[in-house]
Amino acid sequence: MNGIFRNRADAGKQLAAALTRYAGRTDVVVLALPRGGVPVGYEVARAMRCPLDVLLVRKLGAPHNPELAMGAIASGEAIYLNDSVLRALHVSEQQVLDAIARERVELGRRELAYRGRQPPAAVEGKTVIVVDDGIATGSTMHAALNTLRTRNPKQIVVAVPVCPANSEARFESVADDFVYVMQPDWFMGIGQFYADFTQTGDDEVRTCLHAAQDWQQKDMGAALPEDGAA
């Protein structure tokens, strides 16, 4: 391991190897954060042969610096705001409300584009592994976990290929386990740890989700008894 993932698929395979304690269980569901977390989550779910779905969340970009997260929103009206960023940039309440309204439109579009009319994966009473391609500020992951808690999972596991040092401390109150592959002391951004960090498109998200549905149906068919079996 040279500190660089080849791409998100490579990161997902390495992350799956760090999650083997959850393999072989029938109560595990993988939820990936679109878009970049989906190819990572796909490899995790494929290795575990468990269901894969998306957990929709949108970063709230700071005014004049949209790459900096001042918070995030997720399906189910969940909102997470990074108070330290809001104070440092003197973000007004109206600017926050405008960002939320703007991102809710995109959240609805992605809900329809990725899942169509299909309901979200059932997670009540299950162990849910929430996957992204990395954590920087943690805003999007916090928003995702806030909405996930309302769906009553038994256990929430945050799983990412890379994150800043001591990231797990920020999730102790909202996650039951925190799994990562790399946690470097120097951290400028997630992309620095990928040789190929090309933006994930909607088509790739749909391809991953459809492929996951195919193997789940095949596995279910293989598990059914043959005609006439006791």
Protein backbone atom coordinates (compact mmCIF):
# COMPACT_ATOMS: atom_id res chain seq x y z
CA MET A 1 0.00 0.00 0.00
CA ASN A 2 1.62 3.23 -1.17
CA GLY A 3 -0.92 5.64 0.25
CA ILE A 4 -2.77 6.08 -3.06
CA PHE A 5 -5.86 4.23 -4.28
CA ARG A 6 -5.92 3.53 -8.01
CA ASN A 7 -9.58 4.54 -8.22
CA ARG A 8 -12.80 4.18 -6.27
CA ALA A 9 -13.17 0.51 -7.18
CA ASP A 10 -9.72 -0.21 -5.75
CA ALA A 11 -10.62 1.78 -2.63
CA GLY A 12 -13.83 -0.23 -2.26
CA LYS A 13 -12.00 -3.55 -2.46
CA GLN A 14 -9.51 -2.46 0.20
CA LEU A 15 -12.33 -1.18 2.39
CA ALA A 16 -14.18 -4.48 2.03
CA ALA A 17 -11.08 -6.26 3.35
CA ALA A 18 -11.25 -4.07 6.45
CA LEU A 19 -14.90 -5.01 7.00
CA THR A 20 -14.58 -8.80 7.05
CA ARG A 21 -16.02 -9.00 10.57
CA TYR A 22 -19.38 -8.10 9.03
CA ALA A 23 -19.15 -10.64 6.19
CA GLY A 24 -21.34 -13.73 6.05
CA ARG A 25 -24.25 -12.12 7.87
CA THR A 26 -27.79 -11.89 6.56
CA ASP A 27 -28.66 -8.69 8.45
CA VAL A 28 -26.18 -6.37 6.72
CA VAL A 29 -27.12 -3.62 4.24
CA VAL A 30 -24.69 -1.25 2.51
CA LEU A 31 -25.85 2.32 1.92
CA ALA A 32 -23.57 4.44 -0.26
CA LEU A 33 -23.49 8.24 -0.45
CA PRO A 34 -23.88 9.41 -4.08
CA ARG A 35 -22.22 9.97 -6.14
CA GLY A 36 -18.60 9.14 -5.34
CA GLY A 37 -19.42 6.71 -2.56
CA VAL A 38 -21.44 4.42 -4.82
CA PRO A 39 -18.56 2.71 -6.71
CA VAL A 40 -16.84 2.22 -3.35
CA GLY A 41 -19.98 0.84 -1.73
CA TYR A 42 -20.60 -1.40 -4.72
CA GLU A 43 -17.31 -3.23 -4.14
CA VAL A 44 -18.06 -3.56 -0.42
CA ALA A 45 -21.55 -4.94 -1.05
CA ARG A 46 -20.31 -7.29 -3.78
CA ALA A 47 -17.63 -8.72 -1.50
CA MET A 48 -20.21 -9.30 1.23
CA ARG A 49 -23.03 -10.36 -1.13
CA CYS A 50 -25.40 -8.03 0.64
CA PRO A 51 -27.96 -5.44 -0.54
CA LEU A 52 -26.76 -2.08 -1.85
CA ASP A 53 -28.76 1.14 -1.90
CA VAL A 54 -28.06 4.87 -1.91
CA LEU A 55 -28.44 7.21 1.05
CA LEU A 56 -29.09 10.55 -0.58
CA VAL A 57 -27.32 13.55 0.86
CA ARG A 58 -26.21 16.93 -0.49
CA LYS A 59 -23.42 19.17 0.71
CA LEU A 60 -24.28 22.79 1.46
CA GLY A 61 -21.47 24.73 -0.15
CA ALA A 62 -20.32 27.89 1.57
CA PRO A 63 -20.97 31.22 -0.18
CA HIS A 64 -18.13 32.12 -2.57
CA ASN A 65 -16.48 28.74 -1.79
CA PRO A 66 -18.89 25.97 -2.82
CA GLU A 67 -16.30 23.21 -2.28
CA LEU A 68 -16.21 24.02 1.45
CA ALA A 69 -19.08 22.34 3.29
CA MET A 70 -20.92 24.55 5.75
CA GLY A 71 -23.36 21.69 6.30
CA ALA A 72 -25.42 19.10 4.47
CA ILE A 73 -28.97 17.87 3.99
CA ALA A 74 -30.32 14.37 3.46
CA SER A 75 -33.59 12.71 2.53
CA GLY A 76 -36.16 12.88 5.28
CA GLU A 77 -35.58 16.57 6.12
CA ALA A 78 -32.32 15.88 7.99
CA ILE A 79 -30.01 18.90 8.23
CA TYR A 80 -26.51 19.17 9.66
CA LEU A 81 -24.81 22.57 9.99
CA ASN A 82 -21.13 23.10 10.72
CA ASP A 83 -21.29 25.93 13.24
CA SER A 84 -17.56 26.63 13.16
CA VAL A 85 -17.64 27.22 9.38
CA LEU A 86 -20.78 29.35 9.61
CA ARG A 87 -19.18 31.56 12.25
CA ALA A 88 -15.81 31.84 10.51
CA LEU A 89 -17.38 32.91 7.21
CA HIS A 90 -20.16 35.03 8.78
CA VAL A 91 -22.81 33.14 6.83
CA SER A 92 -26.26 34.65 7.22
CA GLU A 93 -29.42 32.69 7.99
CA GLN A 94 -30.82 33.64 4.58
CA GLN A 95 -27.71 32.29 2.82
CA VAL A 96 -28.17 28.99 4.65
CA LEU A 97 -31.88 28.84 3.74
CA ASP A 98 -31.10 29.62 0.08
CA ALA A 99 -28.51 26.82 -0.03
CA ILE A 100 -30.92 24.34 1.56
CA ALA A 101 -33.67 25.19 -0.94
CA ARG A 102 -31.26 24.87 -3.88
CA GLU A 103 -29.92 21.51 -2.77
CA ARG A 104 -33.37 20.10 -1.98
CA VAL A 105 -34.19 20.42 -5.68
CA GLU A 106 -31.11 18.39 -6.61
CA LEU A 107 -31.86 15.87 -3.86
CA GLY A 108 -35.29 15.24 -5.36
CA ARG A 109 -33.86 14.88 -8.85
CA ARG A 110 -31.34 12.28 -7.71
CA GLU A 111 -33.95 10.36 -5.75
CA LEU A 112 -35.94 9.90 -8.95
CA ALA A 113 -32.89 9.32 -11.17
CA TYR A 114 -31.31 6.60 -9.00
CA ARG A 115 -34.24 4.78 -7.47
CA GLY A 116 -37.21 5.74 -9.61
CA ARG A 117 -40.38 4.74 -7.79
CA GLN A 118 -38.67 1.96 -5.85
CA PRO A 119 -38.78 2.35 -2.05
CA PRO A 120 -35.53 2.65 -0.08
CA ALA A 121 -33.89 -0.54 1.16
CA ALA A 122 -35.34 -1.84 4.42
CA VAL A 123 -32.91 -1.12 7.27
CA GLU A 124 -35.02 -1.43 10.41
CA GLY A 125 -33.36 -3.85 12.81
CA LYS A 126 -30.37 -4.32 10.49
CA THR A 127 -26.67 -3.52 10.59
CA VAL A 128 -26.14 -0.70 8.09
CA ILE A 129 -22.71 0.06 6.65
CA VAL A 130 -22.66 3.65 5.38
CA VAL A 131 -19.97 4.13 2.72
CA ASP A 132 -18.42 7.18 1.08
CA ASP A 133 -15.20 7.66 -0.90
CA GLY A 134 -13.71 9.56 2.03
CA ILE A 135 -14.44 12.01 4.81
CA ALA A 136 -13.16 15.59 4.92
CA THR A 137 -15.28 17.87 7.13
CA GLY A 138 -17.79 15.12 7.92
CA SER A 139 -20.85 17.29 7.23
CA THR A 140 -22.37 15.06 4.57
CA MET A 141 -21.84 11.91 6.64
CA HIS A 142 -23.43 13.53 9.70
CA ALA A 143 -26.52 14.54 7.71
CA ALA A 144 -26.75 11.02 6.29
CA LEU A 145 -26.57 9.42 9.72
CA ASN A 146 -29.14 11.82 11.14
CA THR A 147 -31.72 10.71 8.60
CA LEU A 148 -30.69 7.05 8.85
CA ARG A 149 -31.33 7.01 12.62
CA THR A 150 -35.00 7.79 11.98
CA ARG A 151 -35.29 4.46 10.12
CA ASN A 152 -34.39 2.46 13.25
CA PRO A 153 -31.35 0.37 12.21
CA LYS A 154 -29.89 -1.97 14.82
CA GLN A 155 -26.32 -0.81 14.23
CA ILE A 156 -24.66 1.90 12.12
CA VAL A 157 -21.15 1.44 10.76
CA VAL A 158 -19.34 4.32 9.05
CA ALA A 159 -16.87 2.96 6.48
CA VAL A 160 -14.54 5.06 4.31
CA PRO A 161 -11.23 4.46 2.51
CA VAL A 162 -9.60 7.61 3.91
CA CYS A 163 -10.24 10.30 6.52
CA PRO A 164 -8.29 12.79 8.64
CA ALA A 165 -6.70 11.72 11.90
CA ASN A 166 -9.11 11.23 14.82
CA SER A 167 -12.18 11.39 12.59
CA GLU A 168 -13.86 8.59 14.52
CA ALA A 169 -14.15 10.87 17.57
CA ARG A 170 -16.54 13.12 15.64
CA PHE A 171 -18.94 10.22 15.05
CA GLU A 172 -18.96 8.52 18.45
CA SER A 173 -22.43 9.86 19.27
CA VAL A 174 -24.03 8.87 15.95
CA ALA A 175 -22.25 5.67 14.83
CA ASP A 176 -21.62 2.33 16.52
CA ASP A 177 -18.44 1.54 14.61
CA PHE A 178 -16.00 3.46 12.41
CA VAL A 179 -13.87 1.64 9.81
CA TYR A 180 -11.23 3.10 7.50
CA VAL A 181 -8.26 1.99 5.40
CA MET A 182 -6.03 5.06 5.75
CA GLN A 183 -5.96 7.84 8.30
CA PRO A 184 -2.98 10.04 7.36
CA ASP A 185 -1.68 12.81 9.60
CA TRP A 186 -1.46 15.15 6.59
CA PHE A 187 -4.78 15.68 4.87
CA MET A 188 -5.63 18.39 2.35
CA GLY A 189 -8.52 16.67 0.56
CA ILE A 190 -9.90 13.26 -0.37
CA GLY A 191 -8.73 13.47 -3.99
CA GLN A 192 -5.05 13.56 -3.03
CA PHE A 193 -5.28 9.88 -2.06
CA TYR A 194 -6.63 8.71 -5.43
CA ALA A 195 -4.66 8.32 -8.65
CA ASP A 196 -7.98 8.60 -10.50
CA PHE A 197 -10.58 10.75 -8.75
CA THR A 198 -12.72 11.42 -11.81
CA GLN A 199 -16.19 12.64 -10.86
CA THR A 200 -18.75 9.85 -10.67
CA GLY A 201 -21.72 10.39 -12.99
CA ASP A 202 -25.38 9.45 -12.68
CA ASP A 203 -24.97 6.66 -15.23
CA GLU A 204 -22.25 4.98 -13.15
CA VAL A 205 -24.45 5.19 -10.06
CA ARG A 206 -27.33 3.52 -11.89
CA THR A 207 -25.02 0.85 -13.34
CA CYS A 208 -23.75 -0.07 -9.87
CA LEU A 209 -27.25 -0.23 -8.40
CA HIS A 210 -28.59 -2.35 -11.27
CA ALA A 211 -25.64 -4.74 -11.06
CA ALA A 212 -26.22 -5.13 -7.33
CA GLN A 213 -29.87 -5.94 -7.94
CA ASP A 214 -28.84 -8.63 -10.43
CA TRP A 215 -26.55 -10.48 -8.02
CA GLN A 216 -29.08 -10.21 -5.20
CA GLN A 217 -31.75 -11.81 -7.38
CA LYS A 218 -29.34 -14.58 -8.42
CA ASP A 219 -28.33 -15.23 -4.81
CA MET A 220 -31.97 -15.37 -3.74
CA GLY A 221 -32.71 -17.81 -6.54
CA ALA A 222 -29.78 -20.01 -5.56
CA ALA A 223 -31.00 -20.06 -1.95
CA LEU A 224 -34.50 -21.28 -2.87
CA PRO A 225 -35.11 -25.08 -2.61
CA GLU A 226 -35.54 -27.00 -5.83
CA ASP A 227 -39.01 -28.12 -6.89
CA GLY A 228 -40.09 -31.04 -4.76
CA ALA A 229 -37.44 -30.45 -2.10
CA ALA A 230 -38.53 -30.79 1.49
